[in-house]
Amino acid sequence: ATLPAQTEVDDPLMSPVTFVLAGTRLITVRYHEPKAFKTFPQRAEKVATGCTSGDTILIGLLEAIVDRLADILERAGRDIEAISRDIFEARSTKVSKRNRDFQELLKAIGRKEDIASSI
């Protein structure tokens, strides 16, 4: 799976993660640490997930990943809505400044689209 990391910045890192079930153990091969991997241990302690085998850990980790991806998409959607409001509510009288503003808004939309399409 390709998972994002560092999603708080404009250019998040997208990198592959491989899951290997070997007997009762779960092994992940990755070169970055998505937030779901950081927060999963605390989440597993709070909820009785029954992390007794690689299978149950994988299911819990996949649930955490899906929740995190949903949060990222929701935030991107809110950001795009805010950008859209800025575009359609712009009442600038200076054409050159307004064009510069729209260029920045288009760049921001492009960055959000990159995030959303990567997921």
PDB file of N, CA and C in Angstrom:
ATOM      1  N   ALA A   1       0.857  -1.182   0.000  1.00  0.00           N
ATOM      2  CA  ALA A   1       0.000   0.000   0.000  1.00  0.00           C
ATOM      3  C   ALA A   1       0.896   1.236   0.000  1.00  0.00           C
ATOM      4  N   THR A   2       0.458   2.273  -0.659  1.00  0.00           N
ATOM      5  CA  THR A   2       1.166   3.550  -0.628  1.00  0.00           C
ATOM      6  C   THR A   2       0.458   4.431   0.387  1.00  0.00           C
ATOM      7  N   LEU A   3       1.196   4.854   1.407  1.00  0.00           N
ATOM      8  CA  LEU A   3       0.601   5.630   2.492  1.00  0.00           C
ATOM      9  C   LEU A   3       1.300   6.972   2.641  1.00  0.00           C
ATOM     10  N   PRO A   4       0.544   7.984   3.043  1.00  0.00           N
ATOM     11  CA  PRO A   4       1.129   9.309   3.226  1.00  0.00           C
ATOM     12  C   PRO A   4       1.756   9.465   4.608  1.00  0.00           C
ATOM     13  N   ALA A   5       2.717  10.360   4.669  1.00  0.00           N
ATOM     14  CA  ALA A   5       3.311  10.799   5.936  1.00  0.00           C
ATOM     15  C   ALA A   5       3.579  12.287   5.795  1.00  0.00           C
ATOM     16  N   GLN A   6       3.746  12.945   6.902  1.00  0.00           N
ATOM     17  CA  GLN A   6       4.011  14.394   6.919  1.00  0.00           C
ATOM     18  C   GLN A   6       2.912  15.149   6.177  1.00  0.00           C
ATOM     19  N   THR A   7       1.668  14.816   6.455  1.00  0.00           N
ATOM     20  CA  THR A   7       0.550  15.431   5.735  1.00  0.00           C
ATOM     21  C   THR A   7       0.244  16.838   6.207  1.00  0.00           C
ATOM     22  N   GLU A   8       0.919  17.297   7.237  1.00  0.00           N
ATOM     23  CA  GLU A   8       0.694  18.653   7.718  1.00  0.00           C
ATOM     24  C   GLU A   8       1.392  19.692   6.842  1.00  0.00           C
ATOM     25  N   VAL A   9       2.298  19.251   5.989  1.00  0.00           N
ATOM     26  CA  VAL A   9       3.007  20.160   5.091  1.00  0.00           C
ATOM     27  C   VAL A   9       2.340  20.131   3.719  1.00  0.00           C
ATOM     28  N   ASP A  10       2.685  21.108   2.867  1.00  0.00           N
ATOM     29  CA  ASP A  10       2.058  21.199   1.550  1.00  0.00           C
ATOM     30  C   ASP A  10       2.459  20.072   0.605  1.00  0.00           C
ATOM     31  N   ASP A  11       3.613  19.471   0.836  1.00  0.00           N
ATOM     32  CA  ASP A  11       4.088  18.408  -0.048  1.00  0.00           C
ATOM     33  C   ASP A  11       4.335  17.142   0.777  1.00  0.00           C
ATOM     34  N   PRO A  12       3.275  16.388   1.103  1.00  0.00           N
ATOM     35  CA  PRO A  12       3.452  15.217   1.959  1.00  0.00           C
ATOM     36  C   PRO A  12       4.246  14.118   1.264  1.00  0.00           C
ATOM     37  N   LEU A  13       4.837  13.279   2.080  1.00  0.00           N
ATOM     38  CA  LEU A  13       5.616  12.146   1.594  1.00  0.00           C
ATOM     39  C   LEU A  13       4.673  10.975   1.334  1.00  0.00           C
ATOM     40  N   MET A  14       4.737  10.400   0.152  1.00  0.00           N
ATOM     41  CA  MET A  14       3.964   9.199  -0.187  1.00  0.00           C
ATOM     42  C   MET A  14       4.970   8.082  -0.434  1.00  0.00           C
ATOM     43  N   SER A  15       4.827   6.993   0.303  1.00  0.00           N
ATOM     44  CA  SER A  15       5.802   5.924   0.186  1.00  0.00           C
ATOM     45  C   SER A  15       5.124   4.571   0.429  1.00  0.00           C
ATOM     46  N   PRO A  16       5.661   3.515  -0.166  1.00  0.00           N
ATOM     47  CA  PRO A  16       5.026   2.201  -0.012  1.00  0.00           C
ATOM     48  C   PRO A  16       5.241   1.599   1.375  1.00  0.00           C
ATOM     49  N   VAL A  17       4.268   0.818   1.788  1.00  0.00           N
ATOM     50  CA  VAL A  17       4.343   0.030   3.018  1.00  0.00           C
ATOM     51  C   VAL A  17       3.907  -1.385   2.646  1.00  0.00           C
ATOM     52  N   THR A  18       4.688  -2.355   3.070  1.00  0.00           N
ATOM     53  CA  THR A  18       4.360  -3.750   2.807  1.00  0.00           C
ATOM     54  C   THR A  18       4.019  -4.433   4.121  1.00  0.00           C
ATOM     55  N   PHE A  19       2.946  -5.203   4.127  1.00  0.00           N
ATOM     56  CA  PHE A  19       2.522  -5.957   5.299  1.00  0.00           C
ATOM     57  C   PHE A  19       2.784  -7.432   5.037  1.00  0.00           C
ATOM     58  N   VAL A  20       3.441  -8.090   5.996  1.00  0.00           N
ATOM     59  CA  VAL A  20       3.746  -9.512   5.864  1.00  0.00           C
ATOM     60  C   VAL A  20       3.225 -10.224   7.112  1.00  0.00           C
ATOM     61  N   LEU A  21       2.323 -11.169   6.916  1.00  0.00           N
ATOM     62  CA  LEU A  21       1.874 -12.018   8.017  1.00  0.00           C
ATOM     63  C   LEU A  21       2.718 -13.284   7.993  1.00  0.00           C
ATOM     64  N   ALA A  22       3.459 -13.509   9.070  1.00  0.00           N
ATOM     65  CA  ALA A  22       4.310 -14.688   9.177  1.00  0.00           C
ATOM     66  C   ALA A  22       3.911 -15.435  10.447  1.00  0.00           C
ATOM     67  N   GLY A  23       3.123 -16.459  10.290  1.00  0.00           N
ATOM     68  CA  GLY A  23       2.621 -17.176  11.459  1.00  0.00           C
ATOM     69  C   GLY A  23       1.703 -16.271  12.266  1.00  0.00           C
ATOM     70  N   THR A  24       2.074 -16.050  13.513  1.00  0.00           N
ATOM     71  CA  THR A  24       1.267 -15.176  14.381  1.00  0.00           C
ATOM     72  C   THR A  24       1.836 -13.767  14.460  1.00  0.00           C
ATOM     73  N   ARG A  25       2.792 -13.474  13.629  1.00  0.00           N
ATOM     74  CA  ARG A  25       3.448 -12.160  13.682  1.00  0.00           C
ATOM     75  C   ARG A  25       3.118 -11.326  12.446  1.00  0.00           C
ATOM     76  N   LEU A  26       3.097 -10.011  12.677  1.00  0.00           N
ATOM     77  CA  LEU A  26       2.922  -9.059  11.581  1.00  0.00           C
ATOM     78  C   LEU A  26       4.228  -8.306  11.404  1.00  0.00           C
ATOM     79  N   ILE A  27       4.687  -8.245  10.184  1.00  0.00           N
ATOM     80  CA  ILE A  27       5.912  -7.511   9.855  1.00  0.00           C
ATOM     81  C   ILE A  27       5.531  -6.429   8.858  1.00  0.00           C
ATOM     82  N   THR A  28       6.032  -5.216   9.083  1.00  0.00           N
ATOM     83  CA  THR A  28       5.830  -4.147   8.100  1.00  0.00           C
ATOM     84  C   THR A  28       7.188  -3.744   7.560  1.00  0.00           C
ATOM     85  N   VAL A  29       7.229  -3.529   6.264  1.00  0.00           N
ATOM     86  CA  VAL A  29       8.439  -3.042   5.610  1.00  0.00           C
ATOM     87  C   VAL A  29       8.103  -1.655   5.095  1.00  0.00           C
ATOM     88  N   ARG A  30       8.796  -0.649   5.637  1.00  0.00           N
ATOM     89  CA  ARG A  30       8.495   0.741   5.275  1.00  0.00           C
ATOM     90  C   ARG A  30       9.722   1.602   5.519  1.00  0.00           C
ATOM     91  N   TYR A  31       9.760   2.721   4.831  1.00  0.00           N
ATOM     92  CA  TYR A  31      10.881   3.644   4.955  1.00  0.00           C
ATOM     93  C   TYR A  31      10.430   4.999   5.469  1.00  0.00           C
ATOM     94  N   HIS A  32       9.237   5.045   5.996  1.00  0.00           N
ATOM     95  CA  HIS A  32       8.710   6.239   6.648  1.00  0.00           C
ATOM     96  C   HIS A  32       7.718   5.776   7.708  1.00  0.00           C
ATOM     97  N   GLU A  33       7.301   6.705   8.559  1.00  0.00           N
ATOM     98  CA  GLU A  33       6.383   6.337   9.630  1.00  0.00           C
ATOM     99  C   GLU A  33       5.091   7.129   9.505  1.00  0.00           C
ATOM    100  N   PRO A  34       4.091   6.547   8.852  1.00  0.00           N
ATOM    101  CA  PRO A  34       2.798   7.223   8.780  1.00  0.00           C
ATOM    102  C   PRO A  34       2.229   7.426  10.185  1.00  0.00           C
ATOM    103  N   LYS A  35       1.432   8.459  10.342  1.00  0.00           N
ATOM    104  CA  LYS A  35       0.892   8.801  11.659  1.00  0.00           C
ATOM    105  C   LYS A  35       0.083   7.654  12.260  1.00  0.00           C
ATOM    106  N   ALA A  36      -0.606   6.887  11.430  1.00  0.00           N
ATOM    107  CA  ALA A  36      -1.387   5.753  11.942  1.00  0.00           C
ATOM    108  C   ALA A  36      -0.494   4.755  12.679  1.00  0.00           C
ATOM    109  N   PHE A  37       0.746   4.595  12.248  1.00  0.00           N
ATOM    110  CA  PHE A  37       1.676   3.688  12.913  1.00  0.00           C
ATOM    111  C   PHE A  37       2.116   4.259  14.260  1.00  0.00           C
ATOM    112  N   LYS A  38       2.238   5.583  14.328  1.00  0.00           N
ATOM    113  CA  LYS A  38       2.634   6.229  15.584  1.00  0.00           C
ATOM    114  C   LYS A  38       1.523   6.150  16.624  1.00  0.00           C
ATOM    115  N   THR A  39       0.280   6.331  16.180  1.00  0.00           N
ATOM    116  CA  THR A  39      -0.841   6.416  17.119  1.00  0.00           C
ATOM    117  C   THR A  39      -1.481   5.065  17.424  1.00  0.00           C
ATOM    118  N   PHE A  40      -1.197   4.049  16.644  1.00  0.00           N
ATOM    119  CA  PHE A  40      -1.854   2.756  16.843  1.00  0.00           C
ATOM    120  C   PHE A  40      -1.606   2.147  18.220  1.00  0.00           C
ATOM    121  N   PRO A  41      -0.395   2.152  18.761  1.00  0.00           N
ATOM    122  CA  PRO A  41      -0.210   1.528  20.081  1.00  0.00           C
ATOM    123  C   PRO A  41      -1.104   2.137  21.171  1.00  0.00           C
ATOM    124  N   GLN A  42      -1.223   3.470  21.205  1.00  0.00           N
ATOM    125  CA  GLN A  42      -2.086   4.101  22.200  1.00  0.00           C
ATOM    126  C   GLN A  42      -3.547   3.741  21.945  1.00  0.00           C
ATOM    127  N   ARG A  43      -3.930   3.712  20.686  1.00  0.00           N
ATOM    128  CA  ARG A  43      -5.306   3.362  20.312  1.00  0.00           C
ATOM    129  C   ARG A  43      -5.615   1.921  20.718  1.00  0.00           C
ATOM    130  N   ALA A  44      -4.680   1.026  20.506  1.00  0.00           N
ATOM    131  CA  ALA A  44      -4.886  -0.385  20.844  1.00  0.00           C
ATOM    132  C   ALA A  44      -5.007  -0.575  22.353  1.00  0.00           C
ATOM    133  N   GLU A  45      -4.292   0.239  23.138  1.00  0.00           N
ATOM    134  CA  GLU A  45      -4.391   0.146  24.596  1.00  0.00           C
ATOM    135  C   GLU A  45      -5.755   0.603  25.098  1.00  0.00           C
ATOM    136  N   LYS A  46      -6.324   1.633  24.458  1.00  0.00           N
ATOM    137  CA  LYS A  46      -7.602   2.192  24.901  1.00  0.00           C
ATOM    138  C   LYS A  46      -8.786   1.305  24.547  1.00  0.00           C
ATOM    139  N   VAL A  47      -8.692   0.619  23.424  1.00  0.00           N
ATOM    140  CA  VAL A  47      -9.790  -0.211  22.932  1.00  0.00           C
ATOM    141  C   VAL A  47      -9.386  -1.675  23.080  1.00  0.00           C
ATOM    142  N   ALA A  48     -10.307  -2.469  23.515  1.00  0.00           N
ATOM    143  CA  ALA A  48     -10.014  -3.899  23.672  1.00  0.00           C
ATOM    144  C   ALA A  48      -9.996  -4.564  22.294  1.00  0.00           C
ATOM    145  N   THR A  49      -8.897  -4.371  21.569  1.00  0.00           N
ATOM    146  CA  THR A  49      -8.813  -4.919  20.212  1.00  0.00           C
ATOM    147  C   THR A  49      -8.388  -6.379  20.201  1.00  0.00           C
ATOM    148  N   GLY A  50      -7.878  -6.853  21.317  1.00  0.00           N
ATOM    149  CA  GLY A  50      -7.439  -8.240  21.346  1.00  0.00           C
ATOM    150  C   GLY A  50      -6.245  -8.476  20.447  1.00  0.00           C
ATOM    151  N   CYS A  51      -5.231  -7.646  20.584  1.00  0.00           N
ATOM    152  CA  CYS A  51      -4.028  -7.745  19.738  1.00  0.00           C
ATOM    153  C   CYS A  51      -3.182  -8.929  20.193  1.00  0.00           C
ATOM    154  N   THR A  52      -3.677 -10.106  19.902  1.00  0.00           N
ATOM    155  CA  THR A  52      -2.992 -11.315  20.339  1.00  0.00           C
ATOM    156  C   THR A  52      -2.282 -12.033  19.203  1.00  0.00           C
ATOM    157  N   SER A  53      -2.531 -11.598  17.980  1.00  0.00           N
ATOM    158  CA  SER A  53      -1.882 -12.244  16.837  1.00  0.00           C
ATOM    159  C   SER A  53      -1.638 -11.209  15.750  1.00  0.00           C
ATOM    160  N   GLY A  54      -0.868 -11.599  14.788  1.00  0.00           N
ATOM    161  CA  GLY A  54      -0.596 -10.711  13.661  1.00  0.00           C
ATOM    162  C   GLY A  54      -1.858 -10.333  12.913  1.00  0.00           C
ATOM    163  N   ASP A  55      -2.792 -11.284  12.818  1.00  0.00           N
ATOM    164  CA  ASP A  55      -4.059 -11.012  12.122  1.00  0.00           C
ATOM    165  C   ASP A  55      -4.830  -9.876  12.783  1.00  0.00           C
ATOM    166  N   THR A  56      -4.991  -9.964  14.104  1.00  0.00           N
ATOM    167  CA  THR A  56      -5.777  -8.936  14.801  1.00  0.00           C
ATOM    168  C   THR A  56      -5.052  -7.596  14.810  1.00  0.00           C
ATOM    169  N   ILE A  57      -3.739  -7.634  14.890  1.00  0.00           N
ATOM    170  CA  ILE A  57      -2.970  -6.384  14.831  1.00  0.00           C
ATOM    171  C   ILE A  57      -3.112  -5.760  13.448  1.00  0.00           C
ATOM    172  N   LEU A  58      -3.043  -6.574  12.399  1.00  0.00           N
ATOM    173  CA  LEU A  58      -3.200  -6.060  11.035  1.00  0.00           C
ATOM    174  C   LEU A  58      -4.569  -5.413  10.854  1.00  0.00           C
ATOM    175  N   ILE A  59      -5.617  -6.061  11.332  1.00  0.00           N
ATOM    176  CA  ILE A  59      -6.962  -5.497  11.206  1.00  0.00           C
ATOM    177  C   ILE A  59      -7.050  -4.165  11.944  1.00  0.00           C
ATOM    178  N   GLY A  60      -6.540  -4.117  13.164  1.00  0.00           N
ATOM    179  CA  GLY A  60      -6.558  -2.867  13.925  1.00  0.00           C
ATOM    180  C   GLY A  60      -5.743  -1.775  13.257  1.00  0.00           C
ATOM    181  N   LEU A  61      -4.590  -2.140  12.727  1.00  0.00           N
ATOM    182  CA  LEU A  61      -3.739  -1.165  12.047  1.00  0.00           C
ATOM    183  C   LEU A  61      -4.398  -0.661  10.765  1.00  0.00           C
ATOM    184  N   LEU A  62      -5.032  -1.546  10.012  1.00  0.00           N
ATOM    185  CA  LEU A  62      -5.736  -1.123   8.795  1.00  0.00           C
ATOM    186  C   LEU A  62      -6.899  -0.189   9.134  1.00  0.00           C
ATOM    187  N   GLU A  63      -7.599  -0.455  10.237  1.00  0.00           N
ATOM    188  CA  GLU A  63      -8.664   0.455  10.671  1.00  0.00           C
ATOM    189  C   GLU A  63      -8.095   1.831  10.999  1.00  0.00           C
ATOM    190  N   ALA A  64      -6.951   1.864  11.684  1.00  0.00           N
ATOM    191  CA  ALA A  64      -6.310   3.141  12.017  1.00  0.00           C
ATOM    192  C   ALA A  64      -5.876   3.872  10.751  1.00  0.00           C
ATOM    193  N   ILE A  65      -5.375   3.137   9.769  1.00  0.00           N
ATOM    194  CA  ILE A  65      -4.946   3.744   8.503  1.00  0.00           C
ATOM    195  C   ILE A  65      -6.143   4.335   7.769  1.00  0.00           C
ATOM    196  N   VAL A  66      -7.238   3.595   7.700  1.00  0.00           N
ATOM    197  CA  VAL A  66      -8.443   4.093   7.021  1.00  0.00           C
ATOM    198  C   VAL A  66      -8.963   5.346   7.725  1.00  0.00           C
ATOM    199  N   ASP A  67      -8.984   5.337   9.057  1.00  0.00           N
ATOM    200  CA  ASP A  67      -9.424   6.524   9.805  1.00  0.00           C
ATOM    201  C   ASP A  67      -8.535   7.719   9.497  1.00  0.00           C
ATOM    202  N   ARG A  68      -7.240   7.498   9.450  1.00  0.00           N
ATOM    203  CA  ARG A  68      -6.290   8.583   9.172  1.00  0.00           C
ATOM    204  C   ARG A  68      -6.483   9.119   7.755  1.00  0.00           C
ATOM    205  N   LEU A  69      -6.654   8.234   6.784  1.00  0.00           N
ATOM    206  CA  LEU A  69      -6.879   8.678   5.406  1.00  0.00           C
ATOM    207  C   LEU A  69      -8.173   9.479   5.297  1.00  0.00           C
ATOM    208  N   ALA A  70      -9.202   9.061   6.026  1.00  0.00           N
ATOM    209  CA  ALA A  70     -10.465   9.809   6.028  1.00  0.00           C
ATOM    210  C   ALA A  70     -10.254  11.205   6.604  1.00  0.00           C
ATOM    211  N   ASP A  71      -9.457  11.306   7.667  1.00  0.00           N
ATOM    212  CA  ASP A  71      -9.155  12.619   8.253  1.00  0.00           C
ATOM    213  C   ASP A  71      -8.425  13.510   7.254  1.00  0.00           C
ATOM    214  N   ILE A  72      -7.472  12.941   6.534  1.00  0.00           N
ATOM    215  CA  ILE A  72      -6.700  13.711   5.552  1.00  0.00           C
ATOM    216  C   ILE A  72      -7.611  14.217   4.438  1.00  0.00           C
ATOM    217  N   LEU A  73      -8.473  13.339   3.933  1.00  0.00           N
ATOM    218  CA  LEU A  73      -9.401  13.747   2.868  1.00  0.00           C
ATOM    219  C   LEU A  73     -10.387  14.801   3.362  1.00  0.00           C
ATOM    220  N   GLU A  74     -10.853  14.653   4.586  1.00  0.00           N
ATOM    221  CA  GLU A  74     -11.779  15.641   5.151  1.00  0.00           C
ATOM    222  C   GLU A  74     -11.105  17.010   5.267  1.00  0.00           C
ATOM    223  N   ARG A  75      -9.856  17.011   5.747  1.00  0.00           N
ATOM    224  CA  ARG A  75      -9.122  18.277   5.871  1.00  0.00           C
ATOM    225  C   ARG A  75      -8.874  18.899   4.497  1.00  0.00           C
ATOM    226  N   ALA A  76      -8.523  18.080   3.507  1.00  0.00           N
ATOM    227  CA  ALA A  76      -8.307  18.601   2.150  1.00  0.00           C
ATOM    228  C   ALA A  76      -9.600  19.190   1.604  1.00  0.00           C
ATOM    229  N   GLY A  77     -10.722  18.532   1.864  1.00  0.00           N
ATOM    230  CA  GLY A  77     -12.013  19.050   1.422  1.00  0.00           C
ATOM    231  C   GLY A  77     -12.335  20.395   2.047  1.00  0.00           C
ATOM    232  N   ARG A  78     -12.079  20.526   3.350  1.00  0.00           N
ATOM    233  CA  ARG A  78     -12.303  21.819   4.023  1.00  0.00           C
ATOM    234  C   ARG A  78     -11.410  22.900   3.438  1.00  0.00           C
ATOM    235  N   ASP A  79     -10.155  22.553   3.171  1.00  0.00           N
ATOM    236  CA  ASP A  79      -9.226  23.534   2.598  1.00  0.00           C
ATOM    237  C   ASP A  79      -9.685  23.975   1.211  1.00  0.00           C
ATOM    238  N   ILE A  80     -10.144  23.023   0.406  1.00  0.00           N
ATOM    239  CA  ILE A  80     -10.621  23.362  -0.940  1.00  0.00           C
ATOM    240  C   ILE A  80     -11.868  24.236  -0.858  1.00  0.00           C
ATOM    241  N   GLU A  81     -12.759  23.946   0.088  1.00  0.00           N
ATOM    242  CA  GLU A  81     -13.947  24.792   0.272  1.00  0.00           C
ATOM    243  C   GLU A  81     -13.550  26.219   0.641  1.00  0.00           C
ATOM    244  N   ALA A  82     -12.552  26.357   1.516  1.00  0.00           N
ATOM    245  CA  ALA A  82     -12.090  27.691   1.908  1.00  0.00           C
ATOM    246  C   ALA A  82     -11.487  28.427   0.713  1.00  0.00           C
ATOM    247  N   ILE A  83     -10.719  27.716  -0.098  1.00  0.00           N
ATOM    248  CA  ILE A  83     -10.127  28.324  -1.294  1.00  0.00           C
ATOM    249  C   ILE A  83     -11.229  28.752  -2.258  1.00  0.00           C
ATOM    250  N   SER A  84     -12.227  27.901  -2.417  1.00  0.00           N
ATOM    251  CA  SER A  84     -13.347  28.226  -3.300  1.00  0.00           C
ATOM    252  C   SER A  84     -14.058  29.491  -2.830  1.00  0.00           C
ATOM    253  N   ARG A  85     -14.274  29.604  -1.535  1.00  0.00           N
ATOM    254  CA  ARG A  85     -14.897  30.829  -0.999  1.00  0.00           C
ATOM    255  C   ARG A  85     -14.034  32.044  -1.303  1.00  0.00           C
ATOM    256  N   ASP A  86     -12.717  31.900  -1.141  1.00  0.00           N
ATOM    257  CA  ASP A  86     -11.813  33.022  -1.430  1.00  0.00           C
ATOM    258  C   ASP A  86     -11.915  33.448  -2.890  1.00  0.00           C
ATOM    259  N   ILE A  87     -12.041  32.488  -3.784  1.00  0.00           N
ATOM    260  CA  ILE A  87     -12.123  32.811  -5.213  1.00  0.00           C
ATOM    261  C   ILE A  87     -13.414  33.544  -5.529  1.00  0.00           C
ATOM    262  N   PHE A  88     -14.517  32.997  -5.084  1.00  0.00           N
ATOM    263  CA  PHE A  88     -15.806  33.544  -5.495  1.00  0.00           C
ATOM    264  C   PHE A  88     -16.256  34.741  -4.675  1.00  0.00           C
ATOM    265  N   GLU A  89     -15.589  34.998  -3.559  1.00  0.00           N
ATOM    266  CA  GLU A  89     -15.916  36.180  -2.775  1.00  0.00           C
ATOM    267  C   GLU A  89     -14.901  37.293  -2.974  1.00  0.00           C
ATOM    268  N   ALA A  90     -13.901  37.068  -3.825  1.00  0.00           N
ATOM    269  CA  ALA A  90     -12.878  38.090  -4.071  1.00  0.00           C
ATOM    270  C   ALA A  90     -13.519  39.308  -4.719  1.00  0.00           C
ATOM    271  N   ARG A  91     -13.253  40.456  -4.140  1.00  0.00           N
ATOM    272  CA  ARG A  91     -13.826  41.694  -4.660  1.00  0.00           C
ATOM    273  C   ARG A  91     -12.713  42.721  -4.900  1.00  0.00           C
ATOM    274  N   SER A  92     -11.584  42.226  -5.339  1.00  0.00           N
ATOM    275  CA  SER A  92     -10.442  43.105  -5.568  1.00  0.00           C
ATOM    276  C   SER A  92     -10.672  43.996  -6.788  1.00  0.00           C
ATOM    277  N   THR A  93     -10.244  45.250  -6.675  1.00  0.00           N
ATOM    278  CA  THR A  93     -10.357  46.166  -7.811  1.00  0.00           C
ATOM    279  C   THR A  93      -9.053  46.239  -8.591  1.00  0.00           C
ATOM    280  N   LYS A  94      -7.970  45.798  -7.985  1.00  0.00           N
ATOM    281  CA  LYS A  94      -6.678  45.810  -8.673  1.00  0.00           C
ATOM    282  C   LYS A  94      -6.511  44.496  -9.422  1.00  0.00           C
ATOM    283  N   VAL A  95      -6.518  44.579 -10.732  1.00  0.00           N
ATOM    284  CA  VAL A  95      -6.478  43.371 -11.557  1.00  0.00           C
ATOM    285  C   VAL A  95      -5.177  42.605 -11.358  1.00  0.00           C
ATOM    286  N   SER A  96      -4.033  43.270 -11.333  1.00  0.00           N
ATOM    287  CA  SER A  96      -2.763  42.554 -11.231  1.00  0.00           C
ATOM    288  C   SER A  96      -2.640  41.852  -9.880  1.00  0.00           C
ATOM    289  N   LYS A  97      -3.042  42.499  -8.808  1.00  0.00           N
ATOM    290  CA  LYS A  97      -3.001  41.844  -7.493  1.00  0.00           C
ATOM    291  C   LYS A  97      -3.971  40.667  -7.460  1.00  0.00           C
ATOM    292  N   ARG A  98      -5.128  40.844  -8.040  1.00  0.00           N
ATOM    293  CA  ARG A  98      -6.124  39.778  -8.067  1.00  0.00           C
ATOM    294  C   ARG A  98      -5.602  38.579  -8.853  1.00  0.00           C
ATOM    295  N   ASN A  99      -4.926  38.826  -9.974  1.00  0.00           N
ATOM    296  CA  ASN A  99      -4.353  37.723 -10.754  1.00  0.00           C
ATOM    297  C   ASN A  99      -3.309  36.965  -9.945  1.00  0.00           C
ATOM    298  N   ARG A 100      -2.471  37.709  -9.208  1.00  0.00           N
ATOM    299  CA  ARG A 100      -1.471  37.053  -8.362  1.00  0.00           C
ATOM    300  C   ARG A 100      -2.163  36.206  -7.296  1.00  0.00           C
ATOM    301  N   ASP A 101      -3.226  36.752  -6.705  1.00  0.00           N
ATOM    302  CA  ASP A 101      -3.958  36.001  -5.686  1.00  0.00           C
ATOM    303  C   ASP A 101      -4.535  34.717  -6.271  1.00  0.00           C
ATOM    304  N   PHE A 102      -5.109  34.799  -7.469  1.00  0.00           N
ATOM    305  CA  PHE A 102      -5.686  33.616  -8.097  1.00  0.00           C
ATOM    306  C   PHE A 102      -4.609  32.590  -8.434  1.00  0.00           C
ATOM    307  N   GLN A 103      -3.423  33.050  -8.813  1.00  0.00           N
ATOM    308  CA  GLN A 103      -2.339  32.111  -9.091  1.00  0.00           C
ATOM    309  C   GLN A 103      -1.979  31.332  -7.827  1.00  0.00           C
ATOM    310  N   GLU A 104      -1.915  32.026  -6.705  1.00  0.00           N
ATOM    311  CA  GLU A 104      -1.614  31.356  -5.437  1.00  0.00           C
ATOM    312  C   GLU A 104      -2.738  30.388  -5.063  1.00  0.00           C
ATOM    313  N   LEU A 105      -3.979  30.796  -5.289  1.00  0.00           N
ATOM    314  CA  LEU A 105      -5.105  29.916  -4.993  1.00  0.00           C
ATOM    315  C   LEU A 105      -5.083  28.671  -5.875  1.00  0.00           C
ATOM    316  N   LEU A 106      -4.743  28.837  -7.145  1.00  0.00           N
ATOM    317  CA  LEU A 106      -4.648  27.678  -8.041  1.00  0.00           C
ATOM    318  C   LEU A 106      -3.548  26.718  -7.599  1.00  0.00           C
ATOM    319  N   LYS A 107      -2.433  27.275  -7.135  1.00  0.00           N
ATOM    320  CA  LYS A 107      -1.360  26.420  -6.620  1.00  0.00           C
ATOM    321  C   LYS A 107      -1.838  25.652  -5.393  1.00  0.00           C
ATOM    322  N   ALA A 108      -2.561  26.334  -4.512  1.00  0.00           N
ATOM    323  CA  ALA A 108      -3.073  25.679  -3.307  1.00  0.00           C
ATOM    324  C   ALA A 108      -4.053  24.567  -3.666  1.00  0.00           C
ATOM    325  N   ILE A 109      -4.930  24.825  -4.637  1.00  0.00           N
ATOM    326  CA  ILE A 109      -5.871  23.793  -5.085  1.00  0.00           C
ATOM    327  C   ILE A 109      -5.101  22.603  -5.655  1.00  0.00           C
ATOM    328  N   GLY A 110      -4.084  22.875  -6.435  1.00  0.00           N
ATOM    329  CA  GLY A 110      -3.273  21.802  -7.013  1.00  0.00           C
ATOM    330  C   GLY A 110      -2.618  20.940  -5.949  1.00  0.00           C
ATOM    331  N   ARG A 111      -2.105  21.576  -4.882  1.00  0.00           N
ATOM    332  CA  ARG A 111      -1.480  20.806  -3.801  1.00  0.00           C
ATOM    333  C   ARG A 111      -2.508  19.914  -3.111  1.00  0.00           C
ATOM    334  N   LYS A 112      -3.689  20.448  -2.858  1.00  0.00           N
ATOM    335  CA  LYS A 112      -4.740  19.655  -2.203  1.00  0.00           C
ATOM    336  C   LYS A 112      -5.197  18.515  -3.105  1.00  0.00           C
ATOM    337  N   GLU A 113      -5.275  18.770  -4.402  1.00  0.00           N
ATOM    338  CA  GLU A 113      -5.672  17.728  -5.352  1.00  0.00           C
ATOM    339  C   GLU A 113      -4.629  16.623  -5.380  1.00  0.00           C
ATOM    340  N   ASP A 114      -3.346  16.992  -5.287  1.00  0.00           N
ATOM    341  CA  ASP A 114      -2.290  15.982  -5.249  1.00  0.00           C
ATOM    342  C   ASP A 114      -2.472  15.060  -4.048  1.00  0.00           C
ATOM    343  N   ILE A 115      -2.767  15.657  -2.896  1.00  0.00           N
ATOM    344  CA  ILE A 115      -2.971  14.858  -1.685  1.00  0.00           C
ATOM    345  C   ILE A 115      -4.168  13.935  -1.865  1.00  0.00           C
ATOM    346  N   ALA A 116      -5.292  14.509  -2.298  1.00  0.00           N
ATOM    347  CA  ALA A 116      -6.522  13.720  -2.427  1.00  0.00           C
ATOM    348  C   ALA A 116      -6.377  12.598  -3.452  1.00  0.00           C
ATOM    349  N   SER A 117      -5.722  12.871  -4.569  1.00  0.00           N
ATOM    350  CA  SER A 117      -5.601  11.842  -5.606  1.00  0.00           C
ATOM    351  C   SER A 117      -4.595  10.765  -5.228  1.00  0.00           C
ATOM    352  N   SER A 118      -3.678  11.066  -4.326  1.00  0.00           N
ATOM    353  CA  SER A 118      -2.703  10.072  -3.892  1.00  0.00           C
ATOM    354  C   SER A 118      -3.326   9.037  -2.966  1.00  0.00           C
ATOM    355  N   ILE A 119      -4.424   9.413  -2.366  1.00  0.00           N
ATOM    356  CA  ILE A 119      -5.078   8.512  -1.413  1.00  0.00           C
ATOM    357  C   ILE A 119      -6.076   7.681  -2.164  1.00  0.00           C
TER     358      ILE A 119
END
